[in-house]
Amino acid sequence: MPLSEHEQRMLDEIESALYAEDPKFASSVTKQRVGRPTARRRLIASLGFLIGLAMLVGGLMVDFEVGGLKILSFVGFLVMFGAAAFGLLAPNRSGAHDASGSQSGPRGDAKQNRGGRPSFSERMESRFQRRFEQDDS
């Protein structure tokens, strides 16, 4: 659903205010690559896809069926699909950590980093509160 003109203008104003107030944060957010697979992950996905393709084609040549379904071809398709999903659905920043240094994933977002550093959301909240305290002074 597209934004209305008023909403788009408000969003543009917020974006320009963010660039004016904290250009370092704004540039770090815009430069961050999310979900880009590493070379090793691409290699594993490519090899898995080729193995699945070989199984798919080999299953068509082998006369082994269960209930009219060529099992080897079906498994080959599943391997190809799994390899493609593995290659395309890469986690943030090649796996273990996001830009804040905390672990990514369902459990890692709520935890603090091992070094006792506050999480990204906690740091942003404290920054937000400091700005309001500065404006009141």
N, C-alpha and C. Protein backbone atom coordinates (compact mmCIF):
# COMPACT_ATOMS: atom_id res chain seq x y z
N MET A 1 0.84 -1.17 0.00
CA MET A 1 0.00 0.00 0.00
C MET A 1 0.89 1.24 0.00
N PRO A 2 0.78 2.08 -1.03
CA PRO A 2 1.63 3.26 -1.11
C PRO A 2 1.23 4.32 -0.08
N LEU A 3 2.19 5.15 0.25
CA LEU A 3 1.95 6.23 1.20
C LEU A 3 1.24 7.39 0.51
N SER A 4 0.45 8.11 1.28
CA SER A 4 -0.19 9.31 0.73
C SER A 4 0.88 10.40 0.60
N GLU A 5 0.54 11.48 -0.08
CA GLU A 5 1.49 12.57 -0.26
C GLU A 5 1.89 13.19 1.07
N HIS A 6 0.93 13.33 1.96
CA HIS A 6 1.21 13.91 3.28
C HIS A 6 2.17 12.99 4.07
N GLU A 7 1.90 11.70 4.05
CA GLU A 7 2.76 10.74 4.75
C GLU A 7 4.16 10.73 4.15
N GLN A 8 4.24 10.80 2.83
CA GLN A 8 5.55 10.81 2.17
C GLN A 8 6.34 12.06 2.54
N ARG A 9 5.66 13.21 2.59
CA ARG A 9 6.34 14.45 3.00
C ARG A 9 6.83 14.36 4.43
N MET A 10 6.00 13.81 5.32
CA MET A 10 6.41 13.65 6.72
C MET A 10 7.62 12.72 6.83
N LEU A 11 7.60 11.64 6.06
CA LEU A 11 8.72 10.70 6.07
C LEU A 11 10.00 11.37 5.56
N ASP A 12 9.88 12.17 4.52
CA ASP A 12 11.04 12.89 4.00
C ASP A 12 11.59 13.89 5.02
N GLU A 13 10.68 14.56 5.74
CA GLU A 13 11.11 15.50 6.78
C GLU A 13 11.83 14.79 7.91
N ILE A 14 11.31 13.65 8.32
CA ILE A 14 11.96 12.87 9.39
C ILE A 14 13.34 12.40 8.94
N GLU A 15 13.42 11.96 7.69
CA GLU A 15 14.70 11.50 7.17
C GLU A 15 15.72 12.63 7.11
N SER A 16 15.30 13.79 6.64
CA SER A 16 16.24 14.91 6.58
C SER A 16 16.64 15.37 7.98
N ALA A 17 15.71 15.31 8.95
CA ALA A 17 16.04 15.67 10.32
C ALA A 17 17.05 14.68 10.91
N LEU A 18 16.90 13.42 10.57
CA LEU A 18 17.85 12.41 11.05
C LEU A 18 19.24 12.68 10.49
N TYR A 19 19.32 12.98 9.21
CA TYR A 19 20.62 13.30 8.61
C TYR A 19 21.23 14.55 9.24
N ALA A 20 20.39 15.55 9.56
CA ALA A 20 20.89 16.79 10.15
C ALA A 20 21.36 16.58 11.59
N GLU A 21 20.62 15.80 12.37
CA GLU A 21 20.94 15.61 13.78
C GLU A 21 22.09 14.63 14.01
N ASP A 22 22.11 13.54 13.27
CA ASP A 22 23.11 12.51 13.52
C ASP A 22 23.58 11.92 12.20
N PRO A 23 24.44 12.63 11.47
CA PRO A 23 24.86 12.14 10.15
C PRO A 23 25.67 10.85 10.23
N LYS A 24 26.41 10.66 11.31
CA LYS A 24 27.22 9.44 11.45
C LYS A 24 26.31 8.21 11.54
N PHE A 25 25.27 8.30 12.36
CA PHE A 25 24.33 7.18 12.49
C PHE A 25 23.59 6.96 11.18
N ALA A 26 23.14 8.03 10.55
CA ALA A 26 22.39 7.91 9.30
C ALA A 26 23.22 7.26 8.21
N SER A 27 24.51 7.62 8.13
CA SER A 27 25.36 7.00 7.10
C SER A 27 25.65 5.54 7.43
N SER A 28 25.77 5.21 8.71
CA SER A 28 26.03 3.80 9.06
C SER A 28 24.81 2.94 8.77
N VAL A 29 23.62 3.49 8.93
CA VAL A 29 22.41 2.73 8.64
C VAL A 29 22.25 2.52 7.15
N THR A 30 22.53 3.53 6.35
CA THR A 30 22.34 3.41 4.92
C THR A 30 23.41 2.54 4.27
N LYS A 31 24.59 2.44 4.85
CA LYS A 31 25.67 1.65 4.26
C LYS A 31 25.63 0.19 4.66
N GLN A 32 24.84 -0.16 5.66
CA GLN A 32 24.85 -1.53 6.17
C GLN A 32 24.26 -2.49 5.15
N ARG A 33 24.98 -3.58 4.90
CA ARG A 33 24.49 -4.62 4.01
C ARG A 33 23.81 -5.68 4.86
N VAL A 34 22.59 -5.97 4.50
CA VAL A 34 21.83 -6.94 5.26
C VAL A 34 21.61 -8.16 4.39
N GLY A 35 22.00 -9.32 4.89
CA GLY A 35 21.69 -10.56 4.21
C GLY A 35 22.53 -10.86 3.00
N ARG A 36 23.69 -10.28 2.86
CA ARG A 36 24.54 -10.59 1.72
C ARG A 36 25.34 -11.85 2.03
N PRO A 37 25.21 -12.89 1.19
CA PRO A 37 25.89 -14.14 1.48
C PRO A 37 27.40 -14.03 1.29
N THR A 38 28.13 -14.78 2.09
CA THR A 38 29.58 -14.80 1.97
C THR A 38 29.98 -15.70 0.81
N ALA A 39 31.25 -15.66 0.44
CA ALA A 39 31.74 -16.49 -0.67
C ALA A 39 31.62 -17.97 -0.31
N ARG A 40 31.89 -18.30 0.93
CA ARG A 40 31.80 -19.71 1.35
C ARG A 40 30.35 -20.19 1.27
N ARG A 41 29.43 -19.36 1.70
CA ARG A 41 28.01 -19.74 1.65
C ARG A 41 27.54 -19.91 0.21
N ARG A 42 28.00 -19.02 -0.68
CA ARG A 42 27.64 -19.15 -2.10
C ARG A 42 28.22 -20.42 -2.71
N LEU A 43 29.45 -20.77 -2.33
CA LEU A 43 30.07 -21.99 -2.83
C LEU A 43 29.31 -23.22 -2.37
N ILE A 44 28.95 -23.27 -1.10
CA ILE A 44 28.20 -24.42 -0.58
C ILE A 44 26.84 -24.52 -1.27
N ALA A 45 26.17 -23.39 -1.46
CA ALA A 45 24.87 -23.39 -2.13
C ALA A 45 25.00 -23.84 -3.58
N SER A 46 26.05 -23.39 -4.26
CA SER A 46 26.26 -23.80 -5.65
C SER A 46 26.51 -25.29 -5.77
N LEU A 47 27.38 -25.80 -4.89
CA LEU A 47 27.65 -27.24 -4.92
C LEU A 47 26.40 -28.05 -4.59
N GLY A 48 25.65 -27.63 -3.61
CA GLY A 48 24.40 -28.32 -3.27
C GLY A 48 23.41 -28.29 -4.42
N PHE A 49 23.33 -27.16 -5.11
CA PHE A 49 22.43 -27.04 -6.25
C PHE A 49 22.85 -27.99 -7.37
N LEU A 50 24.16 -28.06 -7.64
CA LEU A 50 24.65 -28.96 -8.70
C LEU A 50 24.43 -30.42 -8.34
N ILE A 51 24.64 -30.76 -7.08
CA ILE A 51 24.39 -32.14 -6.65
C ILE A 51 22.91 -32.48 -6.79
N GLY A 52 22.04 -31.55 -6.40
CA GLY A 52 20.61 -31.76 -6.56
C GLY A 52 20.20 -31.88 -8.02
N LEU A 53 20.82 -31.08 -8.88
CA LEU A 53 20.53 -31.17 -10.31
C LEU A 53 20.96 -32.53 -10.87
N ALA A 54 22.13 -33.00 -10.45
CA ALA A 54 22.59 -34.32 -10.89
C ALA A 54 21.64 -35.41 -10.41
N MET A 55 21.17 -35.30 -9.18
CA MET A 55 20.21 -36.29 -8.67
C MET A 55 18.90 -36.22 -9.44
N LEU A 56 18.46 -35.02 -9.77
CA LEU A 56 17.22 -34.85 -10.52
C LEU A 56 17.30 -35.51 -11.89
N VAL A 57 18.37 -35.22 -12.61
CA VAL A 57 18.54 -35.79 -13.95
C VAL A 57 18.81 -37.28 -13.86
N GLY A 58 19.66 -37.69 -12.90
CA GLY A 58 19.94 -39.12 -12.73
C GLY A 58 18.70 -39.91 -12.35
N GLY A 59 17.82 -39.33 -11.58
CA GLY A 59 16.59 -40.00 -11.20
C GLY A 59 15.66 -40.22 -12.38
N LEU A 60 15.75 -39.38 -13.39
CA LEU A 60 14.94 -39.57 -14.60
C LEU A 60 15.47 -40.74 -15.43
N MET A 61 16.78 -40.98 -15.36
CA MET A 61 17.38 -42.08 -16.12
C MET A 61 17.23 -43.42 -15.41
N VAL A 62 17.21 -43.42 -14.10
CA VAL A 62 17.08 -44.66 -13.33
C VAL A 62 15.60 -45.02 -13.25
N ASP A 63 15.31 -46.28 -13.46
CA ASP A 63 13.91 -46.72 -13.45
C ASP A 63 13.53 -47.23 -12.06
N PHE A 64 13.41 -46.27 -11.11
CA PHE A 64 13.02 -46.62 -9.75
C PHE A 64 11.90 -45.68 -9.33
N GLU A 65 10.71 -46.25 -9.22
CA GLU A 65 9.55 -45.45 -8.86
C GLU A 65 8.84 -46.06 -7.67
N VAL A 66 8.25 -45.22 -6.85
CA VAL A 66 7.39 -45.66 -5.76
C VAL A 66 6.07 -44.92 -5.93
N GLY A 67 5.05 -45.67 -6.26
CA GLY A 67 3.73 -45.06 -6.45
C GLY A 67 3.71 -44.08 -7.62
N GLY A 68 4.48 -44.34 -8.66
CA GLY A 68 4.51 -43.47 -9.82
C GLY A 68 5.38 -42.23 -9.63
N LEU A 69 6.09 -42.13 -8.51
CA LEU A 69 6.94 -40.98 -8.23
C LEU A 69 8.40 -41.40 -8.29
N LYS A 70 9.15 -40.71 -9.09
CA LYS A 70 10.58 -41.00 -9.18
C LYS A 70 11.26 -40.38 -7.95
N ILE A 71 11.59 -41.23 -7.00
CA ILE A 71 12.08 -40.81 -5.70
C ILE A 71 13.39 -40.03 -5.81
N LEU A 72 14.35 -40.53 -6.58
CA LEU A 72 15.65 -39.87 -6.68
C LEU A 72 15.50 -38.47 -7.27
N SER A 73 14.65 -38.32 -8.26
CA SER A 73 14.42 -36.99 -8.84
C SER A 73 13.76 -36.06 -7.84
N PHE A 74 12.83 -36.58 -7.07
CA PHE A 74 12.15 -35.77 -6.07
C PHE A 74 13.13 -35.31 -4.99
N VAL A 75 13.98 -36.22 -4.54
CA VAL A 75 14.98 -35.85 -3.54
C VAL A 75 15.97 -34.84 -4.13
N GLY A 76 16.33 -35.01 -5.40
CA GLY A 76 17.20 -34.06 -6.07
C GLY A 76 16.59 -32.67 -6.12
N PHE A 77 15.29 -32.61 -6.39
CA PHE A 77 14.61 -31.32 -6.40
C PHE A 77 14.65 -30.69 -5.01
N LEU A 78 14.40 -31.49 -3.98
CA LEU A 78 14.43 -30.96 -2.61
C LEU A 78 15.82 -30.45 -2.24
N VAL A 79 16.87 -31.17 -2.69
CA VAL A 79 18.24 -30.72 -2.43
C VAL A 79 18.51 -29.40 -3.15
N MET A 80 18.06 -29.29 -4.39
CA MET A 80 18.23 -28.03 -5.14
C MET A 80 17.50 -26.89 -4.45
N PHE A 81 16.28 -27.14 -4.03
CA PHE A 81 15.50 -26.11 -3.35
C PHE A 81 16.16 -25.69 -2.05
N GLY A 82 16.62 -26.66 -1.28
CA GLY A 82 17.29 -26.36 -0.02
C GLY A 82 18.57 -25.57 -0.22
N ALA A 83 19.33 -25.93 -1.25
CA ALA A 83 20.58 -25.21 -1.53
C ALA A 83 20.30 -23.77 -1.96
N ALA A 84 19.27 -23.59 -2.77
CA ALA A 84 18.92 -22.23 -3.19
C ALA A 84 18.45 -21.40 -2.00
N ALA A 85 17.66 -21.99 -1.14
CA ALA A 85 17.20 -21.27 0.05
C ALA A 85 18.38 -20.94 0.96
N PHE A 86 19.31 -21.87 1.11
CA PHE A 86 20.50 -21.66 1.93
C PHE A 86 21.32 -20.50 1.39
N GLY A 87 21.45 -20.41 0.07
CA GLY A 87 22.24 -19.35 -0.54
C GLY A 87 21.56 -18.00 -0.50
N LEU A 88 20.24 -17.97 -0.64
CA LEU A 88 19.54 -16.70 -0.72
C LEU A 88 19.16 -16.13 0.64
N LEU A 89 18.89 -16.98 1.60
CA LEU A 89 18.44 -16.52 2.91
C LEU A 89 19.61 -16.44 3.88
N ALA A 90 20.55 -15.59 3.56
CA ALA A 90 21.74 -15.43 4.41
C ALA A 90 21.41 -14.57 5.61
N PRO A 91 21.97 -14.89 6.77
CA PRO A 91 21.76 -14.04 7.94
C PRO A 91 22.52 -12.73 7.80
N ASN A 92 22.25 -11.80 8.70
CA ASN A 92 22.90 -10.49 8.69
C ASN A 92 24.40 -10.62 8.88
N ARG A 93 25.14 -9.85 8.12
CA ARG A 93 26.59 -9.72 8.28
C ARG A 93 27.28 -11.06 8.42
N SER A 94 27.10 -11.93 7.47
CA SER A 94 27.74 -13.24 7.38
C SER A 94 27.58 -14.07 8.64
N GLY A 95 26.44 -13.97 9.27
CA GLY A 95 26.08 -14.97 10.24
C GLY A 95 25.92 -14.58 11.67
N ALA A 96 26.99 -14.28 12.36
CA ALA A 96 26.91 -14.31 13.82
C ALA A 96 26.46 -13.00 14.45
N HIS A 97 26.85 -11.87 13.92
CA HIS A 97 26.60 -10.62 14.63
C HIS A 97 26.03 -9.57 13.70
N ASP A 98 25.19 -8.71 14.25
CA ASP A 98 24.69 -7.58 13.46
C ASP A 98 25.54 -6.34 13.75
N ALA A 99 25.11 -5.18 13.26
CA ALA A 99 25.94 -3.98 13.36
C ALA A 99 26.16 -3.52 14.80
N SER A 100 25.27 -3.88 15.71
CA SER A 100 25.42 -3.43 17.10
C SER A 100 26.38 -4.30 17.88
N GLY A 101 26.78 -5.44 17.33
CA GLY A 101 27.67 -6.33 18.05
C GLY A 101 26.95 -7.40 18.81
N SER A 102 25.62 -7.32 18.88
CA SER A 102 24.89 -8.37 19.59
C SER A 102 24.57 -9.50 18.63
N GLN A 103 24.29 -10.65 19.19
CA GLN A 103 24.01 -11.80 18.36
C GLN A 103 22.68 -11.61 17.68
N SER A 104 22.59 -12.03 16.41
CA SER A 104 21.32 -11.95 15.72
C SER A 104 20.56 -13.24 15.97
N GLY A 105 19.25 -13.17 15.79
CA GLY A 105 18.44 -14.34 15.99
C GLY A 105 17.38 -14.08 17.03
N PRO A 106 16.47 -15.06 17.23
CA PRO A 106 15.36 -14.83 18.12
C PRO A 106 15.78 -14.66 19.58
N ARG A 107 16.84 -15.31 20.01
CA ARG A 107 17.26 -15.21 21.40
C ARG A 107 18.31 -14.13 21.59
N GLY A 108 19.11 -13.86 20.56
CA GLY A 108 20.22 -12.92 20.70
C GLY A 108 19.79 -11.47 20.77
N ASP A 109 18.59 -11.13 20.27
CA ASP A 109 18.17 -9.74 20.26
C ASP A 109 17.92 -9.20 21.66
N ALA A 110 17.40 -10.03 22.56
CA ALA A 110 17.06 -9.55 23.88
C ALA A 110 18.25 -9.56 24.83
N LYS A 111 19.29 -10.31 24.50
CA LYS A 111 20.45 -10.42 25.38
C LYS A 111 21.41 -9.27 25.17
N GLN A 112 22.25 -9.06 26.18
CA GLN A 112 23.33 -8.11 26.02
C GLN A 112 24.54 -8.85 25.51
N ASN A 113 25.45 -8.12 24.91
CA ASN A 113 26.67 -8.70 24.41
C ASN A 113 27.52 -9.20 25.58
N ARG A 114 28.42 -10.13 25.33
CA ARG A 114 29.25 -10.71 26.38
C ARG A 114 30.06 -9.67 27.12
N GLY A 115 30.49 -8.61 26.47
CA GLY A 115 31.31 -7.60 27.09
C GLY A 115 30.53 -6.67 28.00
N GLY A 116 29.23 -6.87 28.18
CA GLY A 116 28.44 -6.02 29.04
C GLY A 116 27.95 -4.77 28.34
N ARG A 117 28.20 -4.66 27.05
CA ARG A 117 27.73 -3.51 26.29
C ARG A 117 26.23 -3.57 26.12
N PRO A 118 25.51 -2.45 26.24
CA PRO A 118 24.06 -2.49 26.05
C PRO A 118 23.71 -2.82 24.60
N SER A 119 22.52 -3.34 24.40
CA SER A 119 22.08 -3.70 23.06
C SER A 119 21.83 -2.44 22.23
N PHE A 120 21.63 -2.64 20.94
CA PHE A 120 21.41 -1.54 20.02
C PHE A 120 20.19 -0.72 20.42
N SER A 121 19.10 -1.41 20.75
CA SER A 121 17.87 -0.67 21.10
C SER A 121 18.05 0.11 22.40
N GLU A 122 18.80 -0.45 23.35
CA GLU A 122 19.05 0.27 24.60
C GLU A 122 19.90 1.51 24.36
N ARG A 123 20.91 1.39 23.50
CA ARG A 123 21.75 2.56 23.18
C ARG A 123 20.96 3.63 22.47
N MET A 124 20.09 3.23 21.54
CA MET A 124 19.28 4.21 20.82
C MET A 124 18.29 4.89 21.77
N GLU A 125 17.73 4.13 22.70
CA GLU A 125 16.80 4.72 23.66
C GLU A 125 17.51 5.73 24.56
N SER A 126 18.70 5.39 25.03
CA SER A 126 19.43 6.33 25.88
C SER A 126 19.84 7.57 25.10
N ARG A 127 20.21 7.42 23.83
CA ARG A 127 20.55 8.56 22.99
C ARG A 127 19.34 9.47 22.80
N PHE A 128 18.19 8.84 22.58
CA PHE A 128 16.95 9.58 22.40
C PHE A 128 16.61 10.37 23.66
N GLN A 129 16.76 9.75 24.83
CA GLN A 129 16.47 10.43 26.09
C GLN A 129 17.45 11.58 26.34
N ARG A 130 18.72 11.38 26.00
CA ARG A 130 19.70 12.45 26.18
C ARG A 130 19.37 13.66 25.32
N ARG A 131 18.89 13.46 24.13
CA ARG A 131 18.52 14.57 23.25
C ARG A 131 17.39 15.38 23.85
N PHE A 132 16.39 14.69 24.41
CA PHE A 132 15.29 15.42 25.02
C PHE A 132 15.73 16.16 26.27
N GLU A 133 16.67 15.59 27.02
CA GLU A 133 17.19 16.27 28.20
C GLU A 133 17.97 17.52 27.79
N GLN A 134 18.70 17.44 26.68
CA GLN A 134 19.46 18.58 26.19
C GLN A 134 18.52 19.68 25.68
N ASP A 135 17.42 19.28 25.04
CA ASP A 135 16.47 20.26 24.52
C ASP A 135 15.75 21.00 25.65
N ASP A 136 15.51 20.30 26.77
CA ASP A 136 14.82 20.93 27.90
C ASP A 136 15.72 21.93 28.62
N SER A 137 17.01 21.73 28.57
CA SER A 137 17.95 22.59 29.30
C SER A 137 18.15 23.92 28.65
